[in-house]
Amino acid sequence: LALVPFGIKPLLRRAAAYEALERYQLAYVDYKTVLQVDCSIQAAHDGVNRMTKALLEKDGVNWRQMLPPIPTVPVSAQMRWSGPSAGAPGANTPATAPRGGPDQTAADTERARTLKEEGNELVKKGNHKKAVEKYSESLKLNQECATYTNRALCYLTLKQYKEAEQDCTEALRLDPKNVKALYRRAQALKELKDYKSSIADIKSLLKTEPKNTAALRLLQELKRA
C-alpha cells in the first residue's frame, strides 16, 4: 500500500487479515475504502455487510461513532483503478454516491464528511434542527447512506415523519440492507399509520438481524396497532 496507494487487492487482503484477527473496525474501514475506489467490487460490499453486523453486535447501535476515520480516496486513484465495468449495467450501487461524476473532488468529499461530523455533534447536544441543516449541506456534496439515516433520525425527533421516510428510502437505495434505514423507516411509517409497510420493513431487517431487540419490540407494537 505504501508503493501503490489505494490498491484494491492489497486493501482487500489487509481487510481480510483484520477480519480474521477480529479487528472489525479496521476491516470495515478498508472495505469502505475499496468501495470508494471501485464501487462494483462485490467482495467489498459483502465485507462491509459482515463487518456492519459484527460491529453492531459488538458495540451496539452507536458503533459508527467508534470507527477510525475512513480515508478519502483522491479522484486520481478512483480513475486509475476504475475499469470499463465500473459503470456497467447491474453494477452494485455503492453506499456512497458522490454527486457531480468526474468533477467530484476529494475536497468536496472531505467537506461533506466534516459537515456530517458537525451534524453528529449537534445531535449529541440535542440540536436536531441545526443538525438537519448540516446534513443537508453535506448531502449536496456527497450522497452518503449514513448521512441520510442520521438526518432521518433528526426528522423522527422533530416529528417530520414523511421527510424521515424519504431519507430512509434514499439510504436504502444506496444500501438495500441497511439496518438503521429499515428500522427508522419502519418507525416513520408507523407514525404515518402505514402499518403494513412498517411491518414489511421490520421483517426485512430481521432477515439480516433476527435477534435485533429494538426491531422485535417494534414488531410487537405494530401487531397490536
Protein backbone atom coordinates (compact mmCIF):
# COMPACT_ATOMS: atom_id res chain seq x y z
CA LEU A 1 0.00 0.00 0.00
CA ALA A 2 2.97 2.31 0.56
CA LEU A 3 4.05 1.65 -3.03
CA VAL A 4 0.58 1.63 -4.58
CA PRO A 5 -1.75 3.88 -2.53
CA PHE A 6 -5.38 2.72 -2.55
CA GLY A 7 -4.54 -0.52 -4.40
CA ILE A 8 -7.67 -2.68 -4.41
CA LYS A 9 -6.03 -6.09 -3.95
CA PRO A 10 -3.75 -5.03 -1.05
CA LEU A 11 -6.69 -3.32 0.69
CA LEU A 12 -8.89 -6.41 0.32
CA ARG A 13 -6.11 -8.67 1.62
CA ARG A 14 -5.48 -6.41 4.60
CA ALA A 15 -9.22 -6.18 5.33
CA ALA A 16 -9.47 -9.99 5.27
CA ALA A 17 -6.49 -10.22 7.65
CA TYR A 18 -8.06 -7.71 10.05
CA GLU A 19 -11.34 -9.63 9.87
CA ALA A 20 -9.56 -12.90 10.71
CA LEU A 21 -7.99 -11.18 13.73
CA GLU A 22 -11.46 -9.88 14.74
CA ARG A 23 -10.28 -6.28 14.29
CA TYR A 24 -13.60 -5.46 12.70
CA GLN A 25 -13.34 -1.65 12.80
CA LEU A 26 -10.13 -1.64 10.76
CA ALA A 27 -11.53 -4.25 8.36
CA TYR A 28 -14.66 -2.11 7.87
CA VAL A 29 -12.53 0.96 7.05
CA ASP A 30 -10.52 -0.97 4.44
CA TYR A 31 -13.63 -2.46 2.80
CA LYS A 32 -15.25 1.00 2.65
CA THR A 33 -12.06 2.45 1.16
CA VAL A 34 -12.15 -0.19 -1.59
CA LEU A 35 -15.72 0.86 -2.44
CA GLN A 36 -14.58 4.47 -2.82
CA VAL A 37 -12.02 3.30 -5.37
CA ASP A 38 -14.39 0.95 -7.23
CA CYS A 39 -17.99 0.58 -6.12
CA SER A 40 -18.51 -2.57 -8.20
CA ILE A 41 -16.29 -4.83 -6.04
CA GLN A 42 -18.73 -7.40 -4.64
CA ALA A 43 -16.19 -8.74 -2.10
CA ALA A 44 -16.02 -5.27 -0.52
CA HIS A 45 -19.83 -4.96 -0.37
CA ASP A 46 -20.01 -8.38 1.29
CA GLY A 47 -17.23 -7.40 3.70
CA VAL A 48 -18.99 -4.17 4.68
CA ASN A 49 -22.20 -6.10 5.38
CA ARG A 50 -20.36 -8.67 7.53
CA MET A 51 -18.47 -6.00 9.48
CA THR A 52 -21.65 -3.95 9.99
CA LYS A 53 -23.34 -6.97 11.55
CA ALA A 54 -20.30 -7.85 13.68
CA LEU A 55 -19.80 -4.28 14.93
CA LEU A 56 -23.49 -3.83 15.70
CA GLU A 57 -23.40 -6.97 17.85
CA LYS A 58 -20.12 -5.94 19.49
CA ASP A 59 -20.59 -2.19 20.05
CA GLY A 60 -24.36 -1.63 19.74
CA VAL A 61 -26.24 0.92 17.66
CA ASN A 62 -23.59 3.63 18.14
CA TRP A 63 -20.81 1.52 16.59
CA ARG A 64 -20.22 4.01 13.76
CA GLN A 65 -19.16 6.68 16.25
CA MET A 66 -16.31 4.41 17.41
CA LEU A 67 -14.82 3.92 13.94
CA PRO A 68 -11.40 5.29 13.00
CA PRO A 69 -11.58 7.85 10.16
CA ILE A 70 -12.16 6.44 6.68
CA PRO A 71 -9.56 7.91 4.30
CA THR A 72 -10.72 10.00 1.38
CA VAL A 73 -9.68 8.43 -1.91
CA PRO A 74 -8.39 11.05 -4.40
CA VAL A 75 -10.22 11.23 -7.71
CA SER A 76 -6.95 10.31 -9.46
CA ALA A 77 -6.88 6.99 -7.60
CA GLN A 78 -10.54 6.33 -8.40
CA MET A 79 -9.89 6.95 -12.09
CA ARG A 80 -6.72 4.83 -12.08
CA TRP A 81 -8.44 1.79 -10.67
CA SER A 82 -11.82 2.10 -12.36
CA GLY A 83 -12.14 -0.30 -15.27
CA PRO A 84 -14.75 -0.33 -18.02
CA SER A 85 -17.03 -2.49 -15.86
CA ALA A 86 -17.45 0.17 -13.17
CA GLY A 87 -20.46 1.74 -14.86
CA ALA A 88 -21.81 -1.42 -16.43
CA PRO A 89 -25.47 -2.36 -16.03
CA GLY A 90 -26.02 -4.44 -12.94
CA ALA A 91 -23.05 -2.99 -11.07
CA ASN A 92 -23.67 -2.78 -7.35
CA THR A 93 -24.95 0.50 -6.00
CA PRO A 94 -22.35 1.98 -3.64
CA ALA A 95 -23.11 3.02 -0.07
CA THR A 96 -21.82 6.44 -1.10
CA ALA A 97 -22.71 8.09 -4.39
CA PRO A 98 -20.85 11.38 -4.93
CA ARG A 99 -22.77 13.91 -6.97
CA GLY A 100 -21.19 15.52 -9.99
CA GLY A 101 -19.48 12.49 -11.54
CA PRO A 102 -15.84 13.03 -12.56
CA ASP A 103 -15.92 16.62 -11.34
CA GLN A 104 -16.45 15.44 -7.78
CA THR A 105 -13.29 16.42 -5.92
CA ALA A 106 -11.64 14.96 -2.86
CA ALA A 107 -12.12 18.38 -1.24
CA ASP A 108 -15.90 18.10 -1.70
CA THR A 109 -15.91 14.64 -0.14
CA GLU A 110 -13.82 15.84 2.79
CA ARG A 111 -16.05 18.90 3.26
CA ALA A 112 -19.11 16.63 3.19
CA ARG A 113 -17.57 14.45 5.90
CA THR A 114 -16.77 17.48 8.05
CA LEU A 115 -20.34 18.76 7.74
CA LYS A 116 -21.70 15.33 8.66
CA GLU A 117 -19.48 15.21 11.76
CA GLU A 118 -20.66 18.71 12.73
CA GLY A 119 -24.22 17.43 12.38
CA ASN A 120 -23.39 14.45 14.60
CA GLU A 121 -22.06 16.78 17.30
CA LEU A 122 -25.24 18.88 17.14
CA VAL A 123 -27.35 15.72 17.55
CA LYS A 124 -25.39 14.85 20.70
CA LYS A 125 -26.25 18.32 22.03
CA GLY A 126 -29.93 17.80 21.16
CA ASN A 127 -29.98 20.47 18.45
CA HIS A 128 -31.71 18.37 15.80
CA LYS A 129 -32.99 21.27 13.69
CA LYS A 130 -29.49 22.70 13.20
CA ALA A 131 -28.15 19.18 12.60
CA VAL A 132 -30.62 18.78 9.72
CA GLU A 133 -29.09 21.86 8.08
CA LYS A 134 -25.57 20.41 8.38
CA TYR A 135 -26.62 17.02 7.00
CA SER A 136 -28.44 18.73 4.12
CA GLU A 137 -25.31 20.71 3.21
CA SER A 138 -23.26 17.50 3.39
CA LEU A 139 -25.65 15.64 1.09
CA LYS A 140 -25.37 18.35 -1.56
CA LEU A 141 -21.67 17.46 -1.81
CA ASN A 142 -21.80 13.71 -1.26
CA GLN A 143 -24.79 11.37 -1.04
CA GLU A 144 -23.86 9.00 1.76
CA CYS A 145 -26.09 6.39 3.33
CA ALA A 146 -25.10 7.27 6.92
CA THR A 147 -25.86 10.96 6.36
CA TYR A 148 -29.36 10.11 5.16
CA THR A 149 -30.03 7.83 8.16
CA ASN A 150 -28.66 10.46 10.55
CA ARG A 151 -30.90 13.14 9.07
CA ALA A 152 -33.82 10.71 9.22
CA LEU A 153 -33.23 10.32 12.97
CA CYS A 154 -33.43 14.10 13.33
CA TYR A 155 -36.66 14.22 11.33
CA LEU A 156 -38.15 11.50 13.55
CA THR A 157 -37.26 13.53 16.64
CA LEU A 158 -38.79 16.64 15.03
CA LYS A 159 -41.92 14.60 14.14
CA GLN A 160 -41.35 15.22 10.40
CA TYR A 161 -42.23 11.64 9.56
CA LYS A 162 -42.67 12.00 5.79
CA GLU A 163 -39.20 13.52 5.46
CA ALA A 164 -37.78 10.75 7.66
CA GLU A 165 -39.37 8.12 5.43
CA GLN A 166 -37.95 9.76 2.29
CA ASP A 167 -34.42 9.92 3.74
CA CYS A 168 -34.53 6.25 4.72
CA THR A 169 -35.72 5.35 1.23
CA GLU A 170 -32.73 7.22 -0.23
CA ALA A 171 -30.40 5.43 2.20
CA LEU A 172 -31.84 2.06 1.17
CA ARG A 173 -31.34 2.94 -2.48
CA LEU A 174 -27.63 3.22 -1.66
CA ASP A 175 -27.50 0.26 0.75
CA PRO A 176 -30.59 -2.00 0.43
CA LYS A 177 -29.94 -3.94 3.66
CA ASN A 178 -29.03 -1.02 5.89
CA VAL A 179 -30.42 -1.84 9.33
CA LYS A 180 -30.75 1.74 10.59
CA ALA A 181 -32.58 2.82 7.44
CA LEU A 182 -35.03 -0.09 7.65
CA TYR A 183 -35.68 0.49 11.36
CA ARG A 184 -36.11 4.25 11.09
CA ARG A 185 -38.34 3.98 8.03
CA ALA A 186 -40.46 1.47 9.94
CA GLN A 187 -40.71 3.99 12.80
CA ALA A 188 -41.74 6.76 10.39
CA LEU A 189 -44.29 4.56 8.63
CA LYS A 190 -45.78 3.57 11.99
CA GLU A 191 -46.31 7.24 12.85
CA LEU A 192 -47.83 7.75 9.38
CA LYS A 193 -50.16 4.82 10.19
CA ASP A 194 -48.88 2.74 7.26
CA TYR A 195 -48.63 -0.34 9.45
CA LYS A 196 -48.38 -2.86 6.62
CA SER A 197 -45.31 -1.20 5.08
CA SER A 198 -43.78 -0.69 8.51
CA ILE A 199 -44.11 -4.41 9.31
CA ALA A 200 -42.58 -5.26 5.91
CA ASP A 201 -39.50 -3.14 6.74
CA ILE A 202 -39.10 -4.76 10.16
CA LYS A 203 -39.35 -8.23 8.63
CA SER A 204 -36.67 -7.29 6.08
CA LEU A 205 -34.46 -6.06 8.92
CA LEU A 206 -34.98 -9.27 10.91
CA LYS A 207 -33.74 -11.33 7.97
CA THR A 208 -30.37 -9.64 8.48
CA GLU A 209 -30.51 -9.42 12.28
CA PRO A 210 -33.03 -11.93 13.68
CA LYS A 211 -32.21 -11.02 17.31
CA ASN A 212 -32.44 -7.24 16.99
CA THR A 213 -34.36 -6.46 20.18
CA ALA A 214 -35.50 -2.96 19.14
CA ALA A 215 -36.93 -4.34 15.89
CA LEU A 216 -38.67 -7.24 17.66
CA ARG A 217 -40.20 -4.79 20.14
CA LEU A 218 -41.43 -2.52 17.35
CA LEU A 219 -42.90 -5.52 15.52
CA GLN A 220 -44.94 -6.42 18.62
CA GLU A 221 -46.20 -2.82 18.86
CA LEU A 222 -47.19 -2.87 15.19
CA LYS A 223 -49.09 -6.12 15.57
CA ARG A 224 -51.09 -4.55 18.40
CA ALA A 225 -51.77 -1.36 16.40
